[in-house]
N, C-alpha and C. Protein backbone atom coordinates (compact mmCIF):
# COMPACT_ATOMS: atom_id res chain seq x y z
N MET A 1 -1.12 1.09 14.69
CA MET A 1 -0.44 2.26 14.20
C MET A 1 0.26 1.90 12.88
N PRO A 2 0.07 2.73 11.83
CA PRO A 2 0.73 2.46 10.55
C PRO A 2 2.26 2.56 10.68
N ARG A 3 2.92 1.73 9.94
CA ARG A 3 4.38 1.74 9.97
C ARG A 3 4.98 2.22 8.65
N GLU A 4 4.13 2.42 7.65
CA GLU A 4 4.65 2.84 6.35
C GLU A 4 3.66 3.77 5.69
N LEU A 5 4.17 4.72 4.94
CA LEU A 5 3.36 5.67 4.20
C LEU A 5 3.63 5.47 2.72
N LEU A 6 2.59 5.40 1.91
CA LEU A 6 2.75 5.24 0.47
C LEU A 6 2.41 6.57 -0.19
N PRO A 7 3.43 7.40 -0.50
CA PRO A 7 3.15 8.70 -1.11
C PRO A 7 2.87 8.58 -2.60
N ASN A 8 1.92 9.34 -3.08
CA ASN A 8 1.66 9.49 -4.51
C ASN A 8 2.06 10.90 -4.90
N LEU A 9 2.77 11.02 -6.01
CA LEU A 9 3.26 12.31 -6.46
C LEU A 9 2.62 12.67 -7.79
N ALA A 10 1.86 13.74 -7.83
CA ALA A 10 1.29 14.20 -9.10
C ALA A 10 2.37 14.98 -9.85
N VAL A 11 2.51 14.69 -11.12
CA VAL A 11 3.52 15.38 -11.94
C VAL A 11 2.85 16.11 -13.08
N ARG A 12 3.46 17.20 -13.56
CA ARG A 12 2.87 18.00 -14.63
C ARG A 12 3.37 17.60 -16.01
N ASP A 13 4.63 17.24 -16.10
CA ASP A 13 5.23 16.91 -17.40
C ASP A 13 5.66 15.45 -17.38
N LEU A 14 4.88 14.59 -18.00
CA LEU A 14 5.11 13.16 -17.95
C LEU A 14 6.47 12.77 -18.51
N GLU A 15 6.80 13.20 -19.72
CA GLU A 15 8.05 12.77 -20.35
C GLU A 15 9.28 13.27 -19.58
N ARG A 16 9.22 14.48 -19.10
CA ARG A 16 10.33 15.03 -18.33
C ARG A 16 10.51 14.27 -17.01
N THR A 17 9.42 13.91 -16.38
CA THR A 17 9.47 13.17 -15.12
C THR A 17 10.00 11.76 -15.33
N LYS A 18 9.53 11.09 -16.40
CA LYS A 18 10.02 9.75 -16.70
C LYS A 18 11.53 9.78 -16.96
N ALA A 19 12.00 10.77 -17.70
CA ALA A 19 13.43 10.90 -18.00
C ALA A 19 14.23 11.16 -16.73
N PHE A 20 13.68 11.96 -15.83
CA PHE A 20 14.37 12.29 -14.58
C PHE A 20 14.61 11.02 -13.76
N PHE A 21 13.56 10.22 -13.56
CA PHE A 21 13.70 9.02 -12.74
C PHE A 21 14.55 7.96 -13.44
N ALA A 22 14.46 7.87 -14.75
CA ALA A 22 15.28 6.92 -15.50
C ALA A 22 16.76 7.30 -15.38
N ALA A 23 17.05 8.60 -15.44
CA ALA A 23 18.44 9.06 -15.32
C ALA A 23 19.03 8.75 -13.95
N LEU A 24 18.17 8.70 -12.94
CA LEU A 24 18.63 8.36 -11.59
C LEU A 24 18.85 6.86 -11.42
N GLY A 25 18.39 6.07 -12.40
CA GLY A 25 18.59 4.63 -12.34
C GLY A 25 17.55 3.89 -11.52
N PHE A 26 16.42 4.51 -11.25
CA PHE A 26 15.39 3.83 -10.48
C PHE A 26 14.77 2.70 -11.30
N ALA A 27 14.55 1.58 -10.67
CA ALA A 27 13.89 0.45 -11.32
C ALA A 27 12.40 0.51 -11.01
N PHE A 28 11.60 0.47 -12.05
CA PHE A 28 10.15 0.52 -11.86
C PHE A 28 9.65 -0.87 -11.51
N ASN A 29 8.82 -0.94 -10.49
CA ASN A 29 8.29 -2.22 -10.03
C ASN A 29 6.94 -1.99 -9.39
N PRO A 30 5.86 -2.45 -9.96
CA PRO A 30 5.73 -3.20 -11.21
C PRO A 30 5.94 -2.27 -12.41
N PRO A 31 5.86 -2.80 -13.65
CA PRO A 31 6.01 -1.96 -14.83
C PRO A 31 4.98 -0.82 -14.84
N PRO A 32 5.30 0.30 -15.50
CA PRO A 32 4.36 1.43 -15.56
C PRO A 32 3.01 1.01 -16.14
N GLN A 33 1.96 1.71 -15.68
CA GLN A 33 0.59 1.47 -16.16
C GLN A 33 0.16 2.67 -17.00
N ASP A 34 -0.09 2.44 -18.27
CA ASP A 34 -0.52 3.51 -19.17
C ASP A 34 -1.98 3.31 -19.52
N HIS A 35 -2.84 4.20 -19.01
CA HIS A 35 -4.29 4.13 -19.25
C HIS A 35 -4.74 5.17 -20.27
N GLY A 36 -3.81 5.78 -20.96
CA GLY A 36 -4.15 6.81 -21.93
C GLY A 36 -4.29 8.17 -21.27
N PHE A 37 -5.31 8.34 -20.45
CA PHE A 37 -5.54 9.61 -19.75
C PHE A 37 -4.73 9.70 -18.45
N MET A 38 -4.16 8.55 -18.01
CA MET A 38 -3.41 8.52 -16.76
C MET A 38 -2.24 7.56 -16.93
N TYR A 39 -1.09 7.95 -16.39
CA TYR A 39 0.11 7.13 -16.44
C TYR A 39 0.64 7.05 -15.02
N ALA A 40 0.85 5.84 -14.52
CA ALA A 40 1.32 5.67 -13.15
C ALA A 40 2.40 4.61 -13.10
N TRP A 41 3.32 4.78 -12.19
CA TRP A 41 4.35 3.78 -11.98
C TRP A 41 4.84 3.87 -10.55
N SER A 42 5.56 2.87 -10.12
CA SER A 42 6.11 2.89 -8.77
C SER A 42 7.55 2.40 -8.80
N PHE A 43 8.28 2.79 -7.77
CA PHE A 43 9.66 2.35 -7.64
C PHE A 43 10.05 2.40 -6.17
N TYR A 44 11.15 1.77 -5.86
CA TYR A 44 11.71 1.80 -4.52
C TYR A 44 13.00 2.61 -4.55
N ASP A 45 13.15 3.53 -3.62
CA ASP A 45 14.37 4.31 -3.56
C ASP A 45 15.47 3.49 -2.87
N PRO A 46 16.70 4.01 -2.85
CA PRO A 46 17.81 3.24 -2.26
C PRO A 46 17.60 2.85 -0.79
N ASP A 47 16.75 3.59 -0.09
CA ASP A 47 16.46 3.25 1.31
C ASP A 47 15.31 2.27 1.46
N GLY A 48 14.72 1.85 0.33
CA GLY A 48 13.63 0.88 0.37
C GLY A 48 12.24 1.49 0.47
N HIS A 49 12.12 2.82 0.36
CA HIS A 49 10.81 3.47 0.40
C HIS A 49 10.12 3.32 -0.95
N HIS A 50 8.84 3.08 -0.91
CA HIS A 50 8.02 2.87 -2.12
C HIS A 50 7.40 4.20 -2.54
N TRP A 51 7.60 4.58 -3.81
CA TRP A 51 7.07 5.83 -4.35
C TRP A 51 6.18 5.53 -5.54
N GLU A 52 5.15 6.35 -5.75
CA GLU A 52 4.25 6.17 -6.89
C GLU A 52 3.93 7.51 -7.56
N PRO A 53 4.79 7.98 -8.47
CA PRO A 53 4.43 9.17 -9.25
C PRO A 53 3.33 8.83 -10.25
N PHE A 54 2.49 9.80 -10.57
CA PHE A 54 1.47 9.58 -11.58
C PHE A 54 1.21 10.88 -12.34
N TRP A 55 0.69 10.72 -13.54
CA TRP A 55 0.31 11.86 -14.38
C TRP A 55 -1.10 11.62 -14.86
N MET A 56 -1.93 12.66 -14.81
CA MET A 56 -3.29 12.57 -15.34
C MET A 56 -3.52 13.75 -16.27
N ASP A 57 -4.06 13.46 -17.45
CA ASP A 57 -4.34 14.49 -18.44
C ASP A 57 -5.42 15.42 -17.88
N PRO A 58 -5.12 16.71 -17.69
CA PRO A 58 -6.11 17.63 -17.14
C PRO A 58 -7.40 17.69 -17.97
N ALA A 59 -7.30 17.42 -19.28
CA ALA A 59 -8.51 17.46 -20.11
C ALA A 59 -9.45 16.29 -19.81
N ALA A 60 -8.95 15.27 -19.14
CA ALA A 60 -9.78 14.10 -18.82
C ALA A 60 -10.58 14.28 -17.53
N VAL A 61 -10.28 15.34 -16.79
CA VAL A 61 -10.94 15.58 -15.50
C VAL A 61 -12.29 16.27 -15.76
N GLN A 62 -13.34 15.72 -15.19
CA GLN A 62 -14.67 16.30 -15.32
C GLN A 62 -14.80 17.51 -14.40
N PRO A 63 -15.28 18.64 -14.89
CA PRO A 63 -15.48 19.79 -14.00
C PRO A 63 -16.56 19.48 -12.96
N ALA A 64 -16.37 20.03 -11.76
CA ALA A 64 -17.35 19.83 -10.69
C ALA A 64 -18.64 20.56 -11.01
N GLY A 65 -19.72 19.95 -10.61
CA GLY A 65 -21.01 20.62 -10.73
C GLY A 65 -21.71 20.24 -11.90
C-alpha cells in the first residue's frame, strides 16, 4: 500500500506562480528545471509534503489526431 502521494500541479501563469511560492518562503529542492517549453520545480511544505508545480507552454502541445 502506498504511503505517500506526489502531486503535480499544472499552473497557467508561470511568473505569477513562481512569485507566489517565493513570497511564501518555500525552498526549491532540487533547483527548478527550465526546458524552454516546460518549467518544473519541487519543494517541501512545512509539514514535509513534497509538491511539484509545473508549467507547459500550450503552443508546444501537439494536437491529437
